[in-house]
């Protein structure tokens, strides 16, 4: 592994951590919405304001990034195992 590959993996780990945090916040918000009809994002930033829509989009993008990052790391693990 070269230094550049190691640096890229460190950056991916940081991105992975950030996306997990955002996805967890989104999941908790959806859980509260489903259980108690409380939308924390709408309460804090306004009902479908620009900022709340941006946060919803960020949550969705983070979920997609999490899928791609997990796929990347699973490919890396299987490459070294086999």
C-alpha atoms as a PDB file:
ATOM      1  CA  UNK A   1       0.000   0.000   0.000  1.00  0.00           C
ATOM      2  CA  UNK A   2       1.421   3.365  -0.992  1.00  0.00           C
ATOM      3  CA  UNK A   3       1.227   6.523   1.079  1.00  0.00           C
ATOM      4  CA  UNK A   4      -1.445   7.925  -1.236  1.00  0.00           C
ATOM      5  CA  UNK A   5      -3.635   4.834  -0.804  1.00  0.00           C
ATOM      6  CA  UNK A   6      -3.259   5.048   2.970  1.00  0.00           C
ATOM      7  CA  UNK A   7      -4.221   8.718   2.916  1.00  0.00           C
ATOM      8  CA  UNK A   8      -7.270   7.935   0.778  1.00  0.00           C
ATOM      9  CA  UNK A   9      -8.366   5.224   3.211  1.00  0.00           C
ATOM     10  CA  UNK A  10      -8.015   7.646   6.145  1.00  0.00           C
ATOM     11  CA  UNK A  11     -10.162  10.165   4.255  1.00  0.00           C
ATOM     12  CA  UNK A  12     -12.728   7.452   3.510  1.00  0.00           C
ATOM     13  CA  UNK A  13     -12.832   6.501   7.190  1.00  0.00           C
ATOM     14  CA  UNK A  14     -13.517  10.125   8.088  1.00  0.00           C
ATOM     15  CA  UNK A  15     -16.218  10.366   5.418  1.00  0.00           C
ATOM     16  CA  UNK A  16     -17.652   7.061   6.643  1.00  0.00           C
ATOM     17  CA  UNK A  17     -17.869   8.379  10.222  1.00  0.00           C
ATOM     18  CA  UNK A  18     -19.507  11.634   9.144  1.00  0.00           C
ATOM     19  CA  UNK A  19     -22.073   9.879   6.949  1.00  0.00           C
ATOM     20  CA  UNK A  20     -22.914   7.418   9.735  1.00  0.00           C
ATOM     21  CA  UNK A  21     -23.568  10.273  12.149  1.00  0.00           C
ATOM     22  CA  UNK A  22     -25.820  12.050   9.647  1.00  0.00           C
ATOM     23  CA  UNK A  23     -27.688   8.837   8.796  1.00  0.00           C
ATOM     24  CA  UNK A  24     -28.232   8.088  12.495  1.00  0.00           C
ATOM     25  CA  UNK A  25     -29.607  11.599  13.047  1.00  0.00           C
ATOM     26  CA  UNK A  26     -31.943  11.087  10.083  1.00  0.00           C
ATOM     27  CA  UNK A  27     -33.034   7.684  11.359  1.00  0.00           C
ATOM     28  CA  UNK A  28     -33.762   9.088  14.820  1.00  0.00           C
ATOM     29  CA  UNK A  29     -35.756  11.902  13.236  1.00  0.00           C
ATOM     30  CA  UNK A  30     -37.783   9.402  11.195  1.00  0.00           C
ATOM     31  CA  UNK A  31     -38.315   7.246  14.273  1.00  0.00           C
ATOM     32  CA  UNK A  32     -39.658  10.210  16.226  1.00  0.00           C
ATOM     33  CA  UNK A  33     -41.827  11.158  13.278  1.00  0.00           C
ATOM     34  CA  UNK A  34     -43.287   7.670  13.027  1.00  0.00           C
ATOM     35  CA  UNK A  35     -43.808   7.105  16.739  1.00  0.00           C
ATOM     36  CA  UNK A  36     -44.811  10.516  18.053  1.00  0.00           C
ATOM     37  CA  UNK A  37     -45.466  12.616  14.924  1.00  0.00           C
ATOM     38  CA  UNK A  38     -42.594  14.940  15.893  1.00  0.00           C
ATOM     39  CA  UNK A  39     -40.298  16.154  13.119  1.00  0.00           C
ATOM     40  CA  UNK A  40     -37.245  17.624  14.858  1.00  0.00           C
ATOM     41  CA  UNK A  41     -35.753  19.038  11.646  1.00  0.00           C
ATOM     42  CA  UNK A  42     -38.999  20.874  10.844  1.00  0.00           C
ATOM     43  CA  UNK A  43     -39.269  22.133  14.419  1.00  0.00           C
ATOM     44  CA  UNK A  44     -35.752  23.530  14.416  1.00  0.00           C
ATOM     45  CA  UNK A  45     -35.461  24.848  10.858  1.00  0.00           C
ATOM     46  CA  UNK A  46     -39.074  25.391   9.786  1.00  0.00           C
ATOM     47  CA  UNK A  47     -41.593  23.356   7.848  1.00  0.00           C
ATOM     48  CA  UNK A  48     -40.015  22.607   4.438  1.00  0.00           C
ATOM     49  CA  UNK A  49     -37.806  25.686   4.522  1.00  0.00           C
ATOM     50  CA  UNK A  50     -34.709  25.820   2.371  1.00  0.00           C
ATOM     51  CA  UNK A  51     -32.553  24.770   5.307  1.00  0.00           C
ATOM     52  CA  UNK A  52     -34.751  21.820   6.294  1.00  0.00           C
ATOM     53  CA  UNK A  53     -34.885  20.589   2.692  1.00  0.00           C
ATOM     54  CA  UNK A  54     -31.100  20.898   2.541  1.00  0.00           C
ATOM     55  CA  UNK A  55     -30.793  18.773   5.691  1.00  0.00           C
ATOM     56  CA  UNK A  56     -33.183  16.146   4.293  1.00  0.00           C
ATOM     57  CA  UNK A  57     -31.124  16.039   1.089  1.00  0.00           C
ATOM     58  CA  UNK A  58     -27.924  15.763   3.123  1.00  0.00           C
ATOM     59  CA  UNK A  59     -29.380  12.795   5.021  1.00  0.00           C
ATOM     60  CA  UNK A  60     -30.335  11.051   1.778  1.00  0.00           C
ATOM     61  CA  UNK A  61     -26.945  11.742   0.215  1.00  0.00           C
ATOM     62  CA  UNK A  62     -25.221  10.443   3.338  1.00  0.00           C
ATOM     63  CA  UNK A  63     -27.221   7.222   3.132  1.00  0.00           C
ATOM     64  CA  UNK A  64     -26.150   6.718  -0.482  1.00  0.00           C
ATOM     65  CA  UNK A  65     -22.532   7.505   0.349  1.00  0.00           C
ATOM     66  CA  UNK A  66     -22.659   5.024   3.228  1.00  0.00           C
ATOM     67  CA  UNK A  67     -23.768   2.301   0.828  1.00  0.00           C
ATOM     68  CA  UNK A  68     -20.969   3.067  -1.628  1.00  0.00           C
ATOM     69  CA  UNK A  69     -18.326   3.316   1.090  1.00  0.00           C
ATOM     70  CA  UNK A  70     -19.404   0.007   2.633  1.00  0.00           C
ATOM     71  CA  UNK A  71     -19.291  -1.612  -0.795  1.00  0.00           C
ATOM     72  CA  UNK A  72     -15.768  -0.215  -1.312  1.00  0.00           C
ATOM     73  CA  UNK A  73     -14.508  -1.477   2.059  1.00  0.00           C
ATOM     74  CA  UNK A  74     -16.117  -4.891   1.593  1.00  0.00           C
ATOM     75  CA  UNK A  75     -14.319  -5.212  -1.747  1.00  0.00           C
ATOM     76  CA  UNK A  76     -11.035  -4.222  -0.070  1.00  0.00           C
ATOM     77  CA  UNK A  77     -11.523  -6.802   2.695  1.00  0.00           C
ATOM     78  CA  UNK A  78     -12.321  -9.633   0.293  1.00  0.00           C
ATOM     79  CA  UNK A  79      -9.330  -8.721  -1.863  1.00  0.00           C
ATOM     80  CA  UNK A  80      -6.918  -9.248   1.064  1.00  0.00           C
ATOM     81  CA  UNK A  81      -8.692 -12.318   2.446  1.00  0.00           C
ATOM     82  CA  UNK A  82      -8.725 -14.393  -0.746  1.00  0.00           C
END
